[in-house]
Amino acid sequence: MNTENNLSAKEFIQKALIKEIAKLINHESYHFAFVIMVQGLETLGGFLDNKPLKAKDQSKLRFSHAINRLMPQEYAKFNNNHVLYNMLRASLAHTLTTSRLVFLTTKNHAGYGEKHLQKIDDKLILVCEDFYDDFTKACKRLVEAMDKGIISAKKINSEFYYTF
């Protein structure tokens, strides 16, 4: 196995989550940017517990931990009783679609582009670029916690291997 391309957890967050998602957004692949970001939130949440990163049956808790501890506070109120997990993360991960109660959009949309984290007609509006900004801040908060030793060294020493 070629291990020259191994990445630490912090490098993985910077490269695979922050930079790769930025490329999707820059190429106007907004839908898939959302898909990766919600999966990425679950991954970030995986660094917040004491279980192995690939522990089974942790999706809901890990997504919620990331929402509650790393994302801006406004998100937590939409995830009460894991609602945001069910309407957004689980739906995008399993069917590549969202619940009818979530409206994904971009800043370019004339009607909804400035309505991030607002509810209109009982639909939660998520603007990709704003979600990405908040997601990036969450990534940086996690990396800062790693740098300060708040997140266990066991997780930091995990390595991810790539051949690209």
C-alpha atoms as a PDB file:
ATOM      1  CA  MET A   1       0.000   0.000   0.000  1.00  0.00           C
ATOM      2  CA  ASN A   2       1.234   3.488  -0.842  1.00  0.00           C
ATOM      3  CA  THR A   3       1.360   5.371   2.456  1.00  0.00           C
ATOM      4  CA  GLU A   4       2.987   8.505   1.085  1.00  0.00           C
ATOM      5  CA  ASN A   5      -0.433  10.099   0.749  1.00  0.00           C
ATOM      6  CA  ASN A   6      -1.584   9.480   4.310  1.00  0.00           C
ATOM      7  CA  LEU A   7      -3.315  12.387   6.032  1.00  0.00           C
ATOM      8  CA  SER A   8      -3.706  13.159   9.702  1.00  0.00           C
ATOM      9  CA  ALA A   9      -7.200  13.901  10.963  1.00  0.00           C
ATOM     10  CA  LYS A  10      -6.510  17.647  10.825  1.00  0.00           C
ATOM     11  CA  GLU A  11      -5.168  17.401   7.274  1.00  0.00           C
ATOM     12  CA  PHE A  12      -8.202  15.319   6.306  1.00  0.00           C
ATOM     13  CA  ILE A  13     -10.543  17.992   7.645  1.00  0.00           C
ATOM     14  CA  GLN A  14      -8.662  20.730   5.815  1.00  0.00           C
ATOM     15  CA  LYS A  15      -8.256  18.869   2.526  1.00  0.00           C
ATOM     16  CA  ALA A  16     -11.264  16.609   2.142  1.00  0.00           C
ATOM     17  CA  LEU A  17     -13.874  18.649   3.956  1.00  0.00           C
ATOM     18  CA  ILE A  18     -12.983  22.320   3.609  1.00  0.00           C
ATOM     19  CA  LYS A  19     -11.134  22.435   0.281  1.00  0.00           C
ATOM     20  CA  GLU A  20     -13.005  19.720  -1.624  1.00  0.00           C
ATOM     21  CA  ILE A  21     -16.403  21.134  -0.662  1.00  0.00           C
ATOM     22  CA  ALA A  22     -15.246  24.609  -1.720  1.00  0.00           C
ATOM     23  CA  LYS A  23     -14.465  23.146  -5.149  1.00  0.00           C
ATOM     24  CA  LEU A  24     -17.978  21.720  -5.394  1.00  0.00           C
ATOM     25  CA  ILE A  25     -19.491  25.094  -4.552  1.00  0.00           C
ATOM     26  CA  ASN A  26     -17.185  26.939  -6.943  1.00  0.00           C
ATOM     27  CA  HIS A  27     -18.353  24.574  -9.699  1.00  0.00           C
ATOM     28  CA  GLU A  28     -21.988  25.170  -8.672  1.00  0.00           C
ATOM     29  CA  SER A  29     -22.443  21.562  -7.517  1.00  0.00           C
ATOM     30  CA  TYR A  30     -24.511  22.818  -4.610  1.00  0.00           C
ATOM     31  CA  HIS A  31     -26.570  19.699  -4.052  1.00  0.00           C
ATOM     32  CA  PHE A  32     -23.522  17.476  -3.646  1.00  0.00           C
ATOM     33  CA  ALA A  33     -21.828  20.107  -1.505  1.00  0.00           C
ATOM     34  CA  PHE A  34     -24.779  19.765   0.885  1.00  0.00           C
ATOM     35  CA  VAL A  35     -24.524  15.958   0.782  1.00  0.00           C
ATOM     36  CA  ILE A  36     -20.845  16.036   1.743  1.00  0.00           C
ATOM     37  CA  MET A  37     -21.311  18.747   4.373  1.00  0.00           C
ATOM     38  CA  VAL A  38     -23.994  16.837   6.272  1.00  0.00           C
ATOM     39  CA  GLN A  39     -21.889  13.680   6.119  1.00  0.00           C
ATOM     40  CA  GLY A  40     -18.935  15.813   7.174  1.00  0.00           C
ATOM     41  CA  LEU A  41     -20.829  17.024  10.220  1.00  0.00           C
ATOM     42  CA  GLU A  42     -21.278  13.430  11.288  1.00  0.00           C
ATOM     43  CA  THR A  43     -17.541  12.889  10.810  1.00  0.00           C
ATOM     44  CA  LEU A  44     -16.725  15.979  12.881  1.00  0.00           C
ATOM     45  CA  GLY A  45     -19.029  14.681  15.591  1.00  0.00           C
ATOM     46  CA  GLY A  46     -17.085  11.413  15.513  1.00  0.00           C
ATOM     47  CA  PHE A  47     -14.065  13.263  16.864  1.00  0.00           C
ATOM     48  CA  LEU A  48     -16.074  14.508  19.834  1.00  0.00           C
ATOM     49  CA  ASP A  49     -16.741  11.137  21.459  1.00  0.00           C
ATOM     50  CA  ASN A  50     -14.497   8.409  22.855  1.00  0.00           C
ATOM     51  CA  LYS A  51     -15.488   5.717  20.373  1.00  0.00           C
ATOM     52  CA  PRO A  52     -13.520   4.716  17.277  1.00  0.00           C
ATOM     53  CA  LEU A  53     -14.247   6.909  14.273  1.00  0.00           C
ATOM     54  CA  LYS A  54     -15.856   3.969  12.468  1.00  0.00           C
ATOM     55  CA  ALA A  55     -18.055   2.869  15.410  1.00  0.00           C
ATOM     56  CA  LYS A  56     -21.454   1.579  14.331  1.00  0.00           C
ATOM     57  CA  ASP A  57     -24.832   3.157  15.071  1.00  0.00           C
ATOM     58  CA  GLN A  58     -23.457   6.580  15.971  1.00  0.00           C
ATOM     59  CA  SER A  59     -24.752   8.719  13.080  1.00  0.00           C
ATOM     60  CA  LYS A  60     -27.567  10.525  14.850  1.00  0.00           C
ATOM     61  CA  LEU A  61     -25.577  11.261  17.987  1.00  0.00           C
ATOM     62  CA  ARG A  62     -22.474  12.364  16.122  1.00  0.00           C
ATOM     63  CA  PHE A  63     -24.369  14.636  13.747  1.00  0.00           C
ATOM     64  CA  SER A  64     -26.192  16.165  16.714  1.00  0.00           C
ATOM     65  CA  HIS A  65     -22.978  16.628  18.697  1.00  0.00           C
ATOM     66  CA  ALA A  66     -21.440  18.494  15.774  1.00  0.00           C
ATOM     67  CA  ILE A  67     -24.564  20.634  15.349  1.00  0.00           C
ATOM     68  CA  ASN A  68     -24.776  21.426  19.072  1.00  0.00           C
ATOM     69  CA  ARG A  69     -21.089  21.873  19.868  1.00  0.00           C
ATOM     70  CA  LEU A  70     -19.419  23.087  16.678  1.00  0.00           C
ATOM     71  CA  MET A  71     -22.004  24.879  14.531  1.00  0.00           C
ATOM     72  CA  PRO A  72     -23.490  28.289  15.429  1.00  0.00           C
ATOM     73  CA  GLN A  73     -26.252  28.087  18.048  1.00  0.00           C
ATOM     74  CA  GLU A  74     -29.051  28.789  15.569  1.00  0.00           C
ATOM     75  CA  TYR A  75     -28.713  25.267  14.167  1.00  0.00           C
ATOM     76  CA  ALA A  76     -29.331  23.537  17.489  1.00  0.00           C
ATOM     77  CA  LYS A  77     -32.873  24.905  17.758  1.00  0.00           C
ATOM     78  CA  PHE A  78     -33.711  23.255  14.428  1.00  0.00           C
ATOM     79  CA  ASN A  79     -32.254  19.931  15.589  1.00  0.00           C
ATOM     80  CA  ASN A  80     -34.393  19.570  18.705  1.00  0.00           C
ATOM     81  CA  ASN A  81     -35.148  15.849  19.092  1.00  0.00           C
ATOM     82  CA  HIS A  82     -32.843  15.172  16.090  1.00  0.00           C
ATOM     83  CA  VAL A  83     -35.260  16.809  13.634  1.00  0.00           C
ATOM     84  CA  LEU A  84     -32.501  18.313  11.482  1.00  0.00           C
ATOM     85  CA  TYR A  85     -30.734  14.966  11.437  1.00  0.00           C
ATOM     86  CA  ASN A  86     -33.889  13.233  10.186  1.00  0.00           C
ATOM     87  CA  MET A  87     -34.977  15.893   7.687  1.00  0.00           C
ATOM     88  CA  LEU A  88     -31.543  16.656   6.283  1.00  0.00           C
ATOM     89  CA  ARG A  89     -28.663  14.309   7.055  1.00  0.00           C
ATOM     90  CA  ALA A  90     -30.464  10.951   7.005  1.00  0.00           C
ATOM     91  CA  SER A  91     -32.497  11.907   3.985  1.00  0.00           C
ATOM     92  CA  LEU A  92     -29.522  13.171   1.944  1.00  0.00           C
ATOM     93  CA  ALA A  93     -27.337  10.235   2.983  1.00  0.00           C
ATOM     94  CA  HIS A  94     -29.853   7.561   2.075  1.00  0.00           C
ATOM     95  CA  THR A  95     -31.852   9.004  -0.817  1.00  0.00           C
ATOM     96  CA  LEU A  96     -29.855  12.079  -1.919  1.00  0.00           C
ATOM     97  CA  THR A  97     -33.015  14.100  -1.296  1.00  0.00           C
ATOM     98  CA  THR A  98     -34.253  16.128   1.656  1.00  0.00           C
ATOM     99  CA  SER A  99     -37.491  16.102   3.555  1.00  0.00           C
ATOM    100  CA  ARG A 100     -40.275  18.252   2.143  1.00  0.00           C
ATOM    101  CA  LEU A 101     -39.676  20.461   5.179  1.00  0.00           C
ATOM    102  CA  VAL A 102     -36.190  21.530   4.041  1.00  0.00           C
ATOM    103  CA  PHE A 103     -35.498  23.806   1.086  1.00  0.00           C
ATOM    104  CA  LEU A 104     -31.895  23.816  -0.202  1.00  0.00           C
ATOM    105  CA  THR A 105     -30.866  26.851  -2.196  1.00  0.00           C
ATOM    106  CA  THR A 106     -27.972  29.165  -3.073  1.00  0.00           C
ATOM    107  CA  LYS A 107     -27.270  32.867  -2.769  1.00  0.00           C
ATOM    108  CA  ASN A 108     -28.136  33.143  -6.469  1.00  0.00           C
ATOM    109  CA  HIS A 109     -31.805  32.296  -5.850  1.00  0.00           C
ATOM    110  CA  ALA A 110     -33.746  35.557  -5.998  1.00  0.00           C
ATOM    111  CA  GLY A 111     -36.450  34.537  -3.525  1.00  0.00           C
ATOM    112  CA  TYR A 112     -34.570  32.530  -0.932  1.00  0.00           C
ATOM    113  CA  GLY A 113     -30.855  33.325  -1.318  1.00  0.00           C
ATOM    114  CA  GLU A 114     -30.837  35.663   1.669  1.00  0.00           C
ATOM    115  CA  LYS A 115     -33.077  33.585   3.939  1.00  0.00           C
ATOM    116  CA  HIS A 116     -30.616  31.096   5.454  1.00  0.00           C
ATOM    117  CA  LEU A 117     -31.942  29.409   8.609  1.00  0.00           C
ATOM    118  CA  GLN A 118     -35.378  30.962   8.223  1.00  0.00           C
ATOM    119  CA  LYS A 119     -38.661  29.106   8.059  1.00  0.00           C
ATOM    120  CA  ILE A 120     -41.041  29.958   5.252  1.00  0.00           C
ATOM    121  CA  ASP A 121     -44.286  28.022   4.916  1.00  0.00           C
ATOM    122  CA  ASP A 122     -42.950  25.549   7.512  1.00  0.00           C
ATOM    123  CA  LYS A 123     -39.886  24.845   5.340  1.00  0.00           C
ATOM    124  CA  LEU A 124     -36.403  25.445   6.713  1.00  0.00           C
ATOM    125  CA  ILE A 125     -34.316  27.375   4.172  1.00  0.00           C
ATOM    126  CA  LEU A 126     -30.638  26.416   3.940  1.00  0.00           C
ATOM    127  CA  VAL A 127     -28.401  28.499   1.676  1.00  0.00           C
ATOM    128  CA  CYS A 128     -25.409  26.482   0.504  1.00  0.00           C
ATOM    129  CA  GLU A 129     -22.786  29.214   0.753  1.00  0.00           C
ATOM    130  CA  ASP A 130     -23.932  30.234   4.253  1.00  0.00           C
ATOM    131  CA  PHE A 131     -24.112  26.613   5.370  1.00  0.00           C
ATOM    132  CA  TYR A 132     -20.580  26.126   4.025  1.00  0.00           C
ATOM    133  CA  ASP A 133     -19.299  29.169   5.938  1.00  0.00           C
ATOM    134  CA  ASP A 134     -20.768  27.777   9.162  1.00  0.00           C
ATOM    135  CA  PHE A 135     -19.501  24.274   8.358  1.00  0.00           C
ATOM    136  CA  THR A 136     -15.994  25.662   7.768  1.00  0.00           C
ATOM    137  CA  LYS A 137     -16.121  27.450  11.128  1.00  0.00           C
ATOM    138  CA  ALA A 138     -17.147  24.150  12.741  1.00  0.00           C
ATOM    139  CA  CYS A 139     -14.175  22.419  11.111  1.00  0.00           C
ATOM    140  CA  LYS A 140     -11.838  25.123  12.378  1.00  0.00           C
ATOM    141  CA  ARG A 141     -13.304  24.933  15.899  1.00  0.00           C
ATOM    142  CA  LEU A 142     -12.615  21.207  15.932  1.00  0.00           C
ATOM    143  CA  VAL A 143      -9.046  21.637  14.687  1.00  0.00           C
ATOM    144  CA  GLU A 144      -8.464  24.323  17.348  1.00  0.00           C
ATOM    145  CA  ALA A 145      -9.745  21.903  20.000  1.00  0.00           C
ATOM    146  CA  MET A 146      -7.314  19.312  18.681  1.00  0.00           C
ATOM    147  CA  ASP A 147      -4.458  21.827  18.819  1.00  0.00           C
ATOM    148  CA  LYS A 148      -5.365  22.698  22.432  1.00  0.00           C
ATOM    149  CA  GLY A 149      -5.508  19.021  23.428  1.00  0.00           C
ATOM    150  CA  ILE A 150      -9.237  19.130  24.197  1.00  0.00           C
ATOM    151  CA  ILE A 151      -9.880  16.387  21.625  1.00  0.00           C
ATOM    152  CA  SER A 152      -8.089  13.135  22.420  1.00  0.00           C
ATOM    153  CA  ALA A 153      -4.718  12.488  20.818  1.00  0.00           C
ATOM    154  CA  LYS A 154      -5.990   9.004  19.928  1.00  0.00           C
ATOM    155  CA  LYS A 155      -8.280  10.546  17.331  1.00  0.00           C
ATOM    156  CA  ILE A 156      -5.640  12.954  16.046  1.00  0.00           C
ATOM    157  CA  ASN A 157      -3.227  10.122  15.331  1.00  0.00           C
ATOM    158  CA  SER A 158      -5.685   8.341  13.055  1.00  0.00           C
ATOM    159  CA  GLU A 159      -4.504   8.415   9.468  1.00  0.00           C
ATOM    160  CA  PHE A 160      -6.488   8.392   6.243  1.00  0.00           C
ATOM    161  CA  TYR A 161      -4.969   7.005   3.073  1.00  0.00           C
ATOM    162  CA  TYR A 162      -5.469   8.288  -0.444  1.00  0.00           C
ATOM    163  CA  THR A 163      -4.045   7.473  -3.824  1.00  0.00           C
ATOM    164  CA  PHE A 164      -5.083  10.683  -5.537  1.00  0.00           C
END
